[in-house]
Amino acid sequence: MQISITQQDHVTIVAVAGSIDALTADTLVTALLDEVGAGRTRLVAHFGAVEYTSSAGLRVLLSTLKEARQRGGDLRISDIRPNVRQVLELSGFTSILKCFADVDSAVASFANMGGSK
């Protein structure tokens, strides 16, 4: 799994490539929670190159979402491949996570939150 982190309009974009499973989930949750801990609580997880996610990946998303929201931010997901979207839908995550077709629309969605975190 590869992770790259960039900033766009006060939003942190975490681009993930590869599979998220028991072997890689710790690396991803560390990267995401480091951002939240540093005060960057508006996150977009760019999943365009995520090939697979297991329940370990779902736990990463949930823990990051909870932490970001407790600090006044949010975690949003963009560019989800159909097989990964199916996992998110079957597990009910699409009802708690905001999903977007692309990074730009996910970043723009934070404009309604106000502030500049």
C-alpha atoms as a PDB file:
ATOM      1  CA  MET A   1       0.000   0.000   0.000  1.00  0.00           C
ATOM      2  CA  GLN A   2       1.167   3.513  -0.794  1.00  0.00           C
ATOM      3  CA  ILE A   3      -0.022   6.711   0.852  1.00  0.00           C
ATOM      4  CA  SER A   4       0.558  10.264  -0.278  1.00  0.00           C
ATOM      5  CA  ILE A   5      -0.674  13.330   1.564  1.00  0.00           C
ATOM      6  CA  THR A   6      -1.325  16.746   0.055  1.00  0.00           C
ATOM      7  CA  GLN A   7      -3.266  19.875   0.979  1.00  0.00           C
ATOM      8  CA  GLN A   8      -5.906  21.641  -1.076  1.00  0.00           C
ATOM      9  CA  ASP A   9      -8.008  24.563   0.179  1.00  0.00           C
ATOM     10  CA  HIS A  10      -7.491  23.737   3.897  1.00  0.00           C
ATOM     11  CA  VAL A  11      -8.372  20.093   3.261  1.00  0.00           C
ATOM     12  CA  THR A  12      -5.937  17.205   3.637  1.00  0.00           C
ATOM     13  CA  ILE A  13      -6.079  14.701   0.816  1.00  0.00           C
ATOM     14  CA  VAL A  14      -4.822  11.244   1.646  1.00  0.00           C
ATOM     15  CA  ALA A  15      -4.364   9.287  -1.563  1.00  0.00           C
ATOM     16  CA  VAL A  16      -4.220   5.556  -0.964  1.00  0.00           C
ATOM     17  CA  ALA A  17      -3.067   2.926  -3.458  1.00  0.00           C
ATOM     18  CA  GLY A  18      -3.150  -0.836  -3.094  1.00  0.00           C
ATOM     19  CA  SER A  19      -5.017  -3.039  -0.644  1.00  0.00           C
ATOM     20  CA  ILE A  20      -6.144  -2.174   2.860  1.00  0.00           C
ATOM     21  CA  ASP A  21      -6.097  -5.267   5.022  1.00  0.00           C
ATOM     22  CA  ALA A  22      -4.783  -6.538   8.343  1.00  0.00           C
ATOM     23  CA  LEU A  23      -1.206  -6.115   7.123  1.00  0.00           C
ATOM     24  CA  THR A  24      -1.560  -2.507   5.952  1.00  0.00           C
ATOM     25  CA  ALA A  25      -4.346  -1.021   8.083  1.00  0.00           C
ATOM     26  CA  ASP A  26      -2.025   0.102  10.875  1.00  0.00           C
ATOM     27  CA  THR A  27       0.049   2.146   8.431  1.00  0.00           C
ATOM     28  CA  LEU A  28      -3.038   3.875   7.095  1.00  0.00           C
ATOM     29  CA  VAL A  29      -4.623   4.591  10.471  1.00  0.00           C
ATOM     30  CA  THR A  30      -1.338   6.028  11.710  1.00  0.00           C
ATOM     31  CA  ALA A  31      -1.112   8.336   8.702  1.00  0.00           C
ATOM     32  CA  LEU A  32      -4.718   9.482   9.049  1.00  0.00           C
ATOM     33  CA  LEU A  33      -4.667   9.972  12.806  1.00  0.00           C
ATOM     34  CA  ASP A  34      -1.346  11.825  12.598  1.00  0.00           C
ATOM     35  CA  GLU A  35      -3.095  14.344  10.356  1.00  0.00           C
ATOM     36  CA  VAL A  36      -6.036  14.658  12.727  1.00  0.00           C
ATOM     37  CA  GLY A  37      -3.690  14.951  15.703  1.00  0.00           C
ATOM     38  CA  ALA A  38      -1.869  17.783  13.936  1.00  0.00           C
ATOM     39  CA  GLY A  39      -5.153  19.675  13.660  1.00  0.00           C
ATOM     40  CA  ARG A  40      -5.854  18.808  10.038  1.00  0.00           C
ATOM     41  CA  THR A  41      -9.341  17.444  10.665  1.00  0.00           C
ATOM     42  CA  ARG A  42     -10.844  17.970   7.223  1.00  0.00           C
ATOM     43  CA  LEU A  43      -9.803  14.863   5.367  1.00  0.00           C
ATOM     44  CA  VAL A  44     -10.512  13.375   1.975  1.00  0.00           C
ATOM     45  CA  ALA A  45      -9.475   9.779   1.475  1.00  0.00           C
ATOM     46  CA  HIS A  46      -8.829   9.416  -2.240  1.00  0.00           C
ATOM     47  CA  PHE A  47      -9.613   5.770  -2.928  1.00  0.00           C
ATOM     48  CA  GLY A  48      -9.151   5.783  -6.713  1.00  0.00           C
ATOM     49  CA  ALA A  49      -6.275   3.315  -6.507  1.00  0.00           C
ATOM     50  CA  VAL A  50      -7.581   1.187  -3.629  1.00  0.00           C
ATOM     51  CA  GLU A  51      -8.003  -2.290  -5.031  1.00  0.00           C
ATOM     52  CA  TYR A  52      -9.459  -3.972  -1.962  1.00  0.00           C
ATOM     53  CA  THR A  53     -10.438  -3.263   1.611  1.00  0.00           C
ATOM     54  CA  SER A  54     -11.089  -5.773   4.358  1.00  0.00           C
ATOM     55  CA  SER A  55     -12.844  -5.178   7.651  1.00  0.00           C
ATOM     56  CA  ALA A  56      -9.509  -3.817   8.916  1.00  0.00           C
ATOM     57  CA  GLY A  57      -9.833  -1.008   6.373  1.00  0.00           C
ATOM     58  CA  LEU A  58     -13.374  -0.322   7.512  1.00  0.00           C
ATOM     59  CA  ARG A  59     -12.149  -0.024  11.104  1.00  0.00           C
ATOM     60  CA  VAL A  60      -9.548   2.506   9.931  1.00  0.00           C
ATOM     61  CA  LEU A  61     -12.224   4.601   8.251  1.00  0.00           C
ATOM     62  CA  LEU A  62     -14.520   4.447  11.266  1.00  0.00           C
ATOM     63  CA  SER A  63     -11.865   5.349  13.831  1.00  0.00           C
ATOM     64  CA  THR A  64     -10.612   8.233  11.686  1.00  0.00           C
ATOM     65  CA  LEU A  65     -14.140   9.476  11.066  1.00  0.00           C
ATOM     66  CA  LYS A  66     -14.945   9.455  14.784  1.00  0.00           C
ATOM     67  CA  GLU A  67     -11.723  11.232  15.724  1.00  0.00           C
ATOM     68  CA  ALA A  68     -12.082  13.868  13.007  1.00  0.00           C
ATOM     69  CA  ARG A  69     -15.703  14.586  13.917  1.00  0.00           C
ATOM     70  CA  GLN A  70     -14.890  14.843  17.626  1.00  0.00           C
ATOM     71  CA  ARG A  71     -12.452  17.608  16.677  1.00  0.00           C
ATOM     72  CA  GLY A  72     -14.930  19.443  14.463  1.00  0.00           C
ATOM     73  CA  GLY A  73     -13.845  17.989  11.122  1.00  0.00           C
ATOM     74  CA  ASP A  74     -14.872  15.112   8.914  1.00  0.00           C
ATOM     75  CA  LEU A  75     -13.549  12.306   6.727  1.00  0.00           C
ATOM     76  CA  ARG A  76     -14.903  12.067   3.202  1.00  0.00           C
ATOM     77  CA  ILE A  77     -14.067   9.578   0.478  1.00  0.00           C
ATOM     78  CA  SER A  78     -13.652  10.099  -3.245  1.00  0.00           C
ATOM     79  CA  ASP A  79     -13.122   8.068  -6.387  1.00  0.00           C
ATOM     80  CA  ILE A  80     -14.227   4.744  -4.932  1.00  0.00           C
ATOM     81  CA  ARG A  81     -13.838   1.761  -7.235  1.00  0.00           C
ATOM     82  CA  PRO A  82     -17.003  -0.326  -7.723  1.00  0.00           C
ATOM     83  CA  ASN A  83     -15.719  -3.353  -5.790  1.00  0.00           C
ATOM     84  CA  VAL A  84     -14.676  -1.210  -2.822  1.00  0.00           C
ATOM     85  CA  ARG A  85     -17.936   0.768  -2.982  1.00  0.00           C
ATOM     86  CA  GLN A  86     -19.813  -2.527  -2.776  1.00  0.00           C
ATOM     87  CA  VAL A  87     -17.980  -3.390   0.468  1.00  0.00           C
ATOM     88  CA  LEU A  88     -18.802   0.044   1.874  1.00  0.00           C
ATOM     89  CA  GLU A  89     -22.456  -0.278   0.857  1.00  0.00           C
ATOM     90  CA  LEU A  90     -22.876  -3.802   2.226  1.00  0.00           C
ATOM     91  CA  SER A  91     -21.341  -2.787   5.543  1.00  0.00           C
ATOM     92  CA  GLY A  92     -23.515   0.330   5.817  1.00  0.00           C
ATOM     93  CA  PHE A  93     -20.586   2.737   5.620  1.00  0.00           C
ATOM     94  CA  THR A  94     -22.087   4.750   2.770  1.00  0.00           C
ATOM     95  CA  SER A  95     -24.762   5.932   5.202  1.00  0.00           C
ATOM     96  CA  ILE A  96     -22.201   7.357   7.646  1.00  0.00           C
ATOM     97  CA  LEU A  97     -19.424   8.469   5.267  1.00  0.00           C
ATOM     98  CA  LYS A  98     -19.921  11.093   2.599  1.00  0.00           C
ATOM     99  CA  CYS A  99     -18.760   9.714  -0.744  1.00  0.00           C
ATOM    100  CA  PHE A 100     -17.871  11.806  -3.802  1.00  0.00           C
ATOM    101  CA  ALA A 101     -17.092  11.096  -7.439  1.00  0.00           C
ATOM    102  CA  ASP A 102     -13.813  13.013  -7.335  1.00  0.00           C
ATOM    103  CA  VAL A 103     -11.408  14.849  -5.038  1.00  0.00           C
ATOM    104  CA  ASP A 104     -12.456  18.317  -6.180  1.00  0.00           C
ATOM    105  CA  SER A 105     -16.100  17.797  -5.259  1.00  0.00           C
ATOM    106  CA  ALA A 106     -15.096  16.235  -1.919  1.00  0.00           C
ATOM    107  CA  VAL A 107     -12.856  19.212  -1.140  1.00  0.00           C
ATOM    108  CA  ALA A 108     -15.564  21.666  -2.223  1.00  0.00           C
ATOM    109  CA  SER A 109     -18.061  19.980   0.108  1.00  0.00           C
ATOM    110  CA  PHE A 110     -16.088  21.273   3.092  1.00  0.00           C
ATOM    111  CA  ALA A 111     -16.901  24.859   2.105  1.00  0.00           C
ATOM    112  CA  ASN A 112     -20.237  24.473   3.891  1.00  0.00           C
ATOM    113  CA  MET A 113     -18.527  23.658   7.213  1.00  0.00           C
ATOM    114  CA  GLY A 114     -17.172  27.178   7.733  1.00  0.00           C
ATOM    115  CA  GLY A 115     -13.906  27.969   9.505  1.00  0.00           C
ATOM    116  CA  SER A 116     -10.519  27.091   8.093  1.00  0.00           C
ATOM    117  CA  LYS A 117      -9.320  23.883   9.745  1.00  0.00           C
END
